[in-house]
Amino acid sequence: MVSAQLNLTRNIVAIIGNGIALCLFLSPTPTFIQIVKKKSTEEYSPIPYLATLINCLVWVLYGLPMVCPNNTPVLTINGTGVIIEVVFITTFFVFCGCQKQRLVIAAVLAGETVFVAVLTVLVFTLQDTTKERSLSVGIVCCVFNVMMYASPLSVMKMVIKTKSVEFMPFWMSLAAFLNAGVWTVYALMPFNPFIAIPNGIGCVFGLAQLMLYAAYYKST
């Protein structure tokens, strides 16, 4: 009975988590509408979108039944995230006026693709059990998830320097905080350190962004 209730609670949290994660992935949409209208990326950075893409890619690998069974919510939402981030990055690339930045974006995308491809081949050729695969891929996921949540640090630095939150969208910061919080709860039923640790750290980064927004939004 307790196990059934725990599974039900876990599924409910997963549904909520997927909903919030989708909001997080879509939260830059107003920014990209502005980019398309102005035909310029202005001072926006591609780093958060590149970081989110590699994060989603490795989590898709982790969520596969052959790697970590019973994590369908992780697989579905990150698969959706991959599609969304590809659209955003393509838009950024098209309207980026700096050729050097375009080359950097292309190089990073190529590096991410090669990395995930090599990781996938190694995992399925060198490891035979889901326990081994989930451990190795989980560690990689943990690292990239922290990187995704930390990616707005460059923007936060700009906020402090300019005392303006123009290039740090509120809804993206709020969604990041809520997303990290819900997935931390999900990771406790049962405990999954690879989901709990990076999302716990993500809560801290998300809260820091919201505090910065509260401090500087009036001066923007």
C-alpha atoms as a PDB file:
ATOM      1  CA  MET A   1       0.000   0.000   0.000  1.00  0.00           C
ATOM      2  CA  VAL A   2       2.793   2.396   0.958  1.00  0.00           C
ATOM      3  CA  SER A   3       4.696   1.463  -2.208  1.00  0.00           C
ATOM      4  CA  ALA A   4       1.612   2.098  -4.365  1.00  0.00           C
ATOM      5  CA  GLN A   5       1.059   5.501  -2.747  1.00  0.00           C
ATOM      6  CA  LEU A   6       4.741   6.349  -3.218  1.00  0.00           C
ATOM      7  CA  ASN A   7       4.584   5.434  -6.907  1.00  0.00           C
ATOM      8  CA  LEU A   8       1.417   7.498  -7.340  1.00  0.00           C
ATOM      9  CA  THR A   9       3.020  10.488  -5.616  1.00  0.00           C
ATOM     10  CA  ARG A  10       6.167  10.047  -7.715  1.00  0.00           C
ATOM     11  CA  ASN A  11       4.124   9.983 -10.918  1.00  0.00           C
ATOM     12  CA  ILE A  12       2.206  13.112  -9.907  1.00  0.00           C
ATOM     13  CA  VAL A  13       5.451  14.934  -9.100  1.00  0.00           C
ATOM     14  CA  ALA A  14       6.884  13.754 -12.434  1.00  0.00           C
ATOM     15  CA  ILE A  15       3.892  15.189 -14.325  1.00  0.00           C
ATOM     16  CA  ILE A  16       4.252  18.503 -12.485  1.00  0.00           C
ATOM     17  CA  GLY A  17       8.005  18.414 -13.104  1.00  0.00           C
ATOM     18  CA  ASN A  18       7.513  17.823 -16.816  1.00  0.00           C
ATOM     19  CA  GLY A  19       5.059  20.710 -16.993  1.00  0.00           C
ATOM     20  CA  ILE A  20       7.438  23.104 -15.247  1.00  0.00           C
ATOM     21  CA  ALA A  21      10.419  21.833 -17.258  1.00  0.00           C
ATOM     22  CA  LEU A  22       8.466  22.507 -20.459  1.00  0.00           C
ATOM     23  CA  CYS A  23       7.798  26.038 -19.203  1.00  0.00           C
ATOM     24  CA  LEU A  24      11.536  26.383 -18.500  1.00  0.00           C
ATOM     25  CA  PHE A  25      12.455  25.253 -22.003  1.00  0.00           C
ATOM     26  CA  LEU A  26       9.875  27.591 -23.561  1.00  0.00           C
ATOM     27  CA  SER A  27      10.525  30.570 -21.248  1.00  0.00           C
ATOM     28  CA  PRO A  28      13.036  32.218 -23.656  1.00  0.00           C
ATOM     29  CA  THR A  29      10.334  32.378 -26.363  1.00  0.00           C
ATOM     30  CA  PRO A  30       9.598  36.120 -25.798  1.00  0.00           C
ATOM     31  CA  THR A  31      13.333  36.782 -26.061  1.00  0.00           C
ATOM     32  CA  PHE A  32      13.537  35.004 -29.404  1.00  0.00           C
ATOM     33  CA  ILE A  33      10.435  36.770 -30.698  1.00  0.00           C
ATOM     34  CA  GLN A  34      12.245  40.022 -29.911  1.00  0.00           C
ATOM     35  CA  ILE A  35      15.409  38.739 -31.635  1.00  0.00           C
ATOM     36  CA  VAL A  36      13.447  37.873 -34.785  1.00  0.00           C
ATOM     37  CA  LYS A  37      11.659  41.249 -34.802  1.00  0.00           C
ATOM     38  CA  LYS A  38      14.904  43.198 -34.357  1.00  0.00           C
ATOM     39  CA  LYS A  39      16.898  40.769 -36.545  1.00  0.00           C
ATOM     40  CA  SER A  40      19.630  40.958 -33.928  1.00  0.00           C
ATOM     41  CA  THR A  41      20.718  38.953 -30.867  1.00  0.00           C
ATOM     42  CA  GLU A  42      21.965  42.197 -29.232  1.00  0.00           C
ATOM     43  CA  GLU A  43      23.739  41.336 -25.951  1.00  0.00           C
ATOM     44  CA  TYR A  44      22.004  38.003 -25.412  1.00  0.00           C
ATOM     45  CA  SER A  45      24.279  35.028 -24.858  1.00  0.00           C
ATOM     46  CA  PRO A  46      23.942  31.626 -26.585  1.00  0.00           C
ATOM     47  CA  ILE A  47      25.617  29.872 -23.644  1.00  0.00           C
ATOM     48  CA  PRO A  48      22.414  28.972 -21.711  1.00  0.00           C
ATOM     49  CA  TYR A  49      20.866  27.358 -24.800  1.00  0.00           C
ATOM     50  CA  LEU A  50      24.002  25.416 -25.721  1.00  0.00           C
ATOM     51  CA  ALA A  51      24.332  24.246 -22.117  1.00  0.00           C
ATOM     52  CA  THR A  52      20.676  23.218 -21.993  1.00  0.00           C
ATOM     53  CA  LEU A  53      21.011  21.275 -25.256  1.00  0.00           C
ATOM     54  CA  ILE A  54      23.917  19.091 -24.094  1.00  0.00           C
ATOM     55  CA  ASN A  55      22.144  18.633 -20.759  1.00  0.00           C
ATOM     56  CA  CYS A  56      18.986  17.387 -22.498  1.00  0.00           C
ATOM     57  CA  LEU A  57      20.967  15.099 -24.802  1.00  0.00           C
ATOM     58  CA  VAL A  58      22.735  13.253 -21.985  1.00  0.00           C
ATOM     59  CA  TRP A  59      19.497  12.996 -19.975  1.00  0.00           C
ATOM     60  CA  VAL A  60      17.766  11.441 -22.994  1.00  0.00           C
ATOM     61  CA  LEU A  61      20.510   8.814 -22.959  1.00  0.00           C
ATOM     62  CA  TYR A  62      20.079   8.332 -19.201  1.00  0.00           C
ATOM     63  CA  GLY A  63      16.303   7.959 -19.527  1.00  0.00           C
ATOM     64  CA  LEU A  64      16.507   5.111 -22.043  1.00  0.00           C
ATOM     65  CA  PRO A  65      15.153   1.811 -20.602  1.00  0.00           C
ATOM     66  CA  MET A  66      18.448   0.119 -21.526  1.00  0.00           C
ATOM     67  CA  VAL A  67      20.333   2.603 -19.335  1.00  0.00           C
ATOM     68  CA  CYS A  68      18.045   3.490 -16.429  1.00  0.00           C
ATOM     69  CA  PRO A  69      14.651   1.720 -16.416  1.00  0.00           C
ATOM     70  CA  ASN A  70      11.459   3.336 -15.094  1.00  0.00           C
ATOM     71  CA  ASN A  71      12.461   6.914 -15.893  1.00  0.00           C
ATOM     72  CA  THR A  72      10.134   7.623 -18.808  1.00  0.00           C
ATOM     73  CA  PRO A  73       9.356  11.201 -17.592  1.00  0.00           C
ATOM     74  CA  VAL A  74      13.072  12.021 -17.775  1.00  0.00           C
ATOM     75  CA  LEU A  75      13.266  10.669 -21.331  1.00  0.00           C
ATOM     76  CA  THR A  76      10.153  12.411 -22.671  1.00  0.00           C
ATOM     77  CA  ILE A  77      10.739  15.897 -21.291  1.00  0.00           C
ATOM     78  CA  ASN A  78      14.403  15.988 -22.276  1.00  0.00           C
ATOM     79  CA  GLY A  79      13.585  14.695 -25.751  1.00  0.00           C
ATOM     80  CA  THR A  80      11.178  17.619 -26.056  1.00  0.00           C
ATOM     81  CA  GLY A  81      13.878  19.915 -24.690  1.00  0.00           C
ATOM     82  CA  VAL A  82      16.316  18.840 -27.408  1.00  0.00           C
ATOM     83  CA  ILE A  83      13.847  19.875 -30.128  1.00  0.00           C
ATOM     84  CA  ILE A  84      13.107  23.235 -28.481  1.00  0.00           C
ATOM     85  CA  GLU A  85      16.786  24.092 -27.929  1.00  0.00           C
ATOM     86  CA  VAL A  86      17.685  23.204 -31.529  1.00  0.00           C
ATOM     87  CA  VAL A  87      15.038  25.681 -32.708  1.00  0.00           C
ATOM     88  CA  PHE A  88      16.334  28.406 -30.355  1.00  0.00           C
ATOM     89  CA  ILE A  89      19.999  27.858 -31.245  1.00  0.00           C
ATOM     90  CA  THR A  90      19.225  27.848 -34.969  1.00  0.00           C
ATOM     91  CA  THR A  91      17.341  31.140 -34.575  1.00  0.00           C
ATOM     92  CA  PHE A  92      20.227  32.617 -32.571  1.00  0.00           C
ATOM     93  CA  PHE A  93      22.708  31.486 -35.232  1.00  0.00           C
ATOM     94  CA  VAL A  94      20.685  33.048 -38.063  1.00  0.00           C
ATOM     95  CA  PHE A  95      20.327  36.463 -36.403  1.00  0.00           C
ATOM     96  CA  CYS A  96      23.751  36.623 -34.783  1.00  0.00           C
ATOM     97  CA  GLY A  97      25.652  39.461 -36.457  1.00  0.00           C
ATOM     98  CA  CYS A  98      29.078  38.339 -35.253  1.00  0.00           C
ATOM     99  CA  GLN A  99      30.782  35.810 -37.539  1.00  0.00           C
ATOM    100  CA  LYS A 100      33.184  34.811 -34.764  1.00  0.00           C
ATOM    101  CA  GLN A 101      30.273  33.974 -32.459  1.00  0.00           C
ATOM    102  CA  ARG A 102      28.651  31.918 -35.221  1.00  0.00           C
ATOM    103  CA  LEU A 103      31.834  29.883 -35.577  1.00  0.00           C
ATOM    104  CA  VAL A 104      31.922  29.329 -31.819  1.00  0.00           C
ATOM    105  CA  ILE A 105      28.283  28.152 -31.809  1.00  0.00           C
ATOM    106  CA  ALA A 106      28.965  25.765 -34.707  1.00  0.00           C
ATOM    107  CA  ALA A 107      32.083  24.407 -33.003  1.00  0.00           C
ATOM    108  CA  VAL A 108      30.276  23.868 -29.696  1.00  0.00           C
ATOM    109  CA  LEU A 109      27.372  22.110 -31.439  1.00  0.00           C
ATOM    110  CA  ALA A 110      29.793  19.823 -33.275  1.00  0.00           C
ATOM    111  CA  GLY A 111      31.624  19.079 -30.036  1.00  0.00           C
ATOM    112  CA  GLU A 112      28.393  18.281 -28.197  1.00  0.00           C
ATOM    113  CA  THR A 113      27.222  15.955 -30.963  1.00  0.00           C
ATOM    114  CA  VAL A 114      30.519  14.065 -31.071  1.00  0.00           C
ATOM    115  CA  PHE A 115      30.642  13.805 -27.274  1.00  0.00           C
ATOM    116  CA  VAL A 116      27.159  12.309 -26.959  1.00  0.00           C
ATOM    117  CA  ALA A 117      27.772   9.934 -29.875  1.00  0.00           C
ATOM    118  CA  VAL A 118      31.033   8.661 -28.363  1.00  0.00           C
ATOM    119  CA  LEU A 119      29.447   8.359 -24.905  1.00  0.00           C
ATOM    120  CA  THR A 120      26.557   6.333 -26.335  1.00  0.00           C
ATOM    121  CA  VAL A 121      28.868   3.943 -28.188  1.00  0.00           C
ATOM    122  CA  LEU A 122      31.111   3.442 -25.151  1.00  0.00           C
ATOM    123  CA  VAL A 123      28.204   2.838 -22.786  1.00  0.00           C
ATOM    124  CA  PHE A 124      26.558   0.203 -24.958  1.00  0.00           C
ATOM    125  CA  THR A 125      29.758  -1.562 -26.005  1.00  0.00           C
ATOM    126  CA  LEU A 126      31.714  -1.587 -22.743  1.00  0.00           C
ATOM    127  CA  GLN A 127      28.935  -1.956 -20.161  1.00  0.00           C
ATOM    128  CA  ASP A 128      26.459  -4.829 -20.009  1.00  0.00           C
ATOM    129  CA  THR A 129      24.077  -3.995 -17.153  1.00  0.00           C
ATOM    130  CA  THR A 130      21.692  -1.107 -16.502  1.00  0.00           C
ATOM    131  CA  LYS A 131      23.371  -0.607 -13.120  1.00  0.00           C
ATOM    132  CA  GLU A 132      26.738   0.070 -14.771  1.00  0.00           C
ATOM    133  CA  ARG A 133      25.251   2.213 -17.521  1.00  0.00           C
ATOM    134  CA  SER A 134      23.079   4.297 -15.198  1.00  0.00           C
ATOM    135  CA  LEU A 135      26.093   4.943 -12.953  1.00  0.00           C
ATOM    136  CA  SER A 136      28.436   6.169 -15.695  1.00  0.00           C
ATOM    137  CA  VAL A 137      25.806   8.142 -17.625  1.00  0.00           C
ATOM    138  CA  GLY A 138      24.347   9.452 -14.358  1.00  0.00           C
ATOM    139  CA  ILE A 139      27.676  10.989 -13.364  1.00  0.00           C
ATOM    140  CA  VAL A 140      27.929  12.711 -16.755  1.00  0.00           C
ATOM    141  CA  CYS A 141      24.332  13.942 -16.441  1.00  0.00           C
ATOM    142  CA  CYS A 142      25.050  15.300 -12.991  1.00  0.00           C
ATOM    143  CA  VAL A 143      27.962  17.372 -14.310  1.00  0.00           C
ATOM    144  CA  PHE A 144      26.085  18.785 -17.309  1.00  0.00           C
ATOM    145  CA  ASN A 145      22.956  19.512 -15.270  1.00  0.00           C
ATOM    146  CA  VAL A 146      25.000  21.655 -12.899  1.00  0.00           C
ATOM    147  CA  MET A 147      26.561  23.370 -15.930  1.00  0.00           C
ATOM    148  CA  MET A 148      23.100  24.134 -17.309  1.00  0.00           C
ATOM    149  CA  TYR A 149      21.950  25.722 -14.070  1.00  0.00           C
ATOM    150  CA  ALA A 150      25.256  27.614 -13.758  1.00  0.00           C
ATOM    151  CA  SER A 151      25.223  28.844 -17.381  1.00  0.00           C
ATOM    152  CA  PRO A 152      23.402  32.125 -16.530  1.00  0.00           C
ATOM    153  CA  LEU A 153      26.348  33.148 -14.296  1.00  0.00           C
ATOM    154  CA  SER A 154      27.773  35.262 -17.135  1.00  0.00           C
ATOM    155  CA  VAL A 155      24.409  37.017 -17.438  1.00  0.00           C
ATOM    156  CA  MET A 156      24.229  37.472 -13.661  1.00  0.00           C
ATOM    157  CA  LYS A 157      27.659  39.120 -13.788  1.00  0.00           C
ATOM    158  CA  MET A 158      26.341  41.512 -16.449  1.00  0.00           C
ATOM    159  CA  VAL A 159      23.297  42.291 -14.275  1.00  0.00           C
ATOM    160  CA  ILE A 160      25.522  43.249 -11.348  1.00  0.00           C
ATOM    161  CA  LYS A 161      27.820  45.288 -13.598  1.00  0.00           C
ATOM    162  CA  THR A 162      25.085  47.189 -15.461  1.00  0.00           C
ATOM    163  CA  LYS A 163      22.508  47.152 -12.647  1.00  0.00           C
ATOM    164  CA  SER A 164      19.967  46.066 -15.270  1.00  0.00           C
ATOM    165  CA  VAL A 165      18.006  42.813 -15.668  1.00  0.00           C
ATOM    166  CA  GLU A 166      17.143  43.487 -19.332  1.00  0.00           C
ATOM    167  CA  PHE A 167      19.050  40.426 -20.531  1.00  0.00           C
ATOM    168  CA  MET A 168      18.041  38.102 -17.679  1.00  0.00           C
ATOM    169  CA  PRO A 169      14.357  37.219 -18.313  1.00  0.00           C
ATOM    170  CA  PHE A 170      12.347  36.866 -15.095  1.00  0.00           C
ATOM    171  CA  TRP A 171      10.231  33.942 -16.274  1.00  0.00           C
ATOM    172  CA  MET A 172      13.287  31.936 -17.251  1.00  0.00           C
ATOM    173  CA  SER A 173      14.806  32.479 -13.799  1.00  0.00           C
ATOM    174  CA  LEU A 174      11.548  31.569 -12.041  1.00  0.00           C
ATOM    175  CA  ALA A 175      11.034  28.464 -14.181  1.00  0.00           C
ATOM    176  CA  ALA A 176      14.615  27.335 -13.503  1.00  0.00           C
ATOM    177  CA  PHE A 177      14.079  27.649  -9.750  1.00  0.00           C
ATOM    178  CA  LEU A 178      10.734  25.822  -9.752  1.00  0.00           C
ATOM    179  CA  ASN A 179      12.006  23.142 -12.132  1.00  0.00           C
ATOM    180  CA  ALA A 180      15.006  22.386  -9.935  1.00  0.00           C
ATOM    181  CA  GLY A 181      12.812  22.252  -6.837  1.00  0.00           C
ATOM    182  CA  VAL A 182      10.259  19.816  -8.259  1.00  0.00           C
ATOM    183  CA  TRP A 183      12.880  17.458  -9.710  1.00  0.00           C
ATOM    184  CA  THR A 184      14.699  17.471  -6.378  1.00  0.00           C
ATOM    185  CA  VAL A 185      11.491  16.200  -4.765  1.00  0.00           C
ATOM    186  CA  TYR A 186      11.082  13.613  -7.562  1.00  0.00           C
ATOM    187  CA  ALA A 187      14.617  12.366  -6.901  1.00  0.00           C
ATOM    188  CA  LEU A 188      13.745  11.549  -3.290  1.00  0.00           C
ATOM    189  CA  MET A 189      11.132   8.903  -4.267  1.00  0.00           C
ATOM    190  CA  PRO A 190      13.254   6.747  -4.194  1.00  0.00           C
ATOM    191  CA  PHE A 191      16.515   8.630  -3.728  1.00  0.00           C
ATOM    192  CA  ASN A 192      18.418   9.181  -6.971  1.00  0.00           C
ATOM    193  CA  PRO A 193      21.626  11.153  -6.357  1.00  0.00           C
ATOM    194  CA  PHE A 194      22.144  11.895 -10.057  1.00  0.00           C
ATOM    195  CA  ILE A 195      18.864  13.824 -10.179  1.00  0.00           C
ATOM    196  CA  ALA A 196      18.845  15.152  -6.600  1.00  0.00           C
ATOM    197  CA  ILE A 197      22.340  16.680  -6.421  1.00  0.00           C
ATOM    198  CA  PRO A 198      22.346  18.833  -9.595  1.00  0.00           C
ATOM    199  CA  ASN A 199      18.761  19.975  -9.079  1.00  0.00           C
ATOM    200  CA  GLY A 200      19.482  20.857  -5.455  1.00  0.00           C
ATOM    201  CA  ILE A 201      22.342  23.021  -6.720  1.00  0.00           C
ATOM    202  CA  GLY A 202      19.994  24.368  -9.395  1.00  0.00           C
ATOM    203  CA  CYS A 203      17.642  25.591  -6.657  1.00  0.00           C
ATOM    204  CA  VAL A 204      20.480  27.705  -5.262  1.00  0.00           C
ATOM    205  CA  PHE A 205      21.363  29.192  -8.668  1.00  0.00           C
ATOM    206  CA  GLY A 206      17.701  29.851  -9.454  1.00  0.00           C
ATOM    207  CA  LEU A 207      17.151  31.576  -6.124  1.00  0.00           C
ATOM    208  CA  ALA A 208      20.256  33.708  -6.701  1.00  0.00           C
ATOM    209  CA  GLN A 209      18.858  34.873 -10.060  1.00  0.00           C
ATOM    210  CA  LEU A 210      15.510  35.772  -8.503  1.00  0.00           C
ATOM    211  CA  MET A 211      17.256  37.724  -5.747  1.00  0.00           C
ATOM    212  CA  LEU A 212      19.253  39.651  -8.360  1.00  0.00           C
ATOM    213  CA  TYR A 213      16.068  40.367 -10.277  1.00  0.00           C
ATOM    214  CA  ALA A 214      14.400  41.686  -7.125  1.00  0.00           C
ATOM    215  CA  ALA A 215      17.408  43.892  -6.428  1.00  0.00           C
ATOM    216  CA  TYR A 216      17.790  45.442  -9.890  1.00  0.00           C
ATOM    217  CA  TYR A 217      14.490  45.259 -11.798  1.00  0.00           C
ATOM    218  CA  LYS A 218      13.418  48.764 -10.702  1.00  0.00           C
ATOM    219  CA  SER A 219      16.577  50.300 -12.140  1.00  0.00           C
ATOM    220  CA  THR A 220      16.148  48.634 -15.557  1.00  0.00           C
END
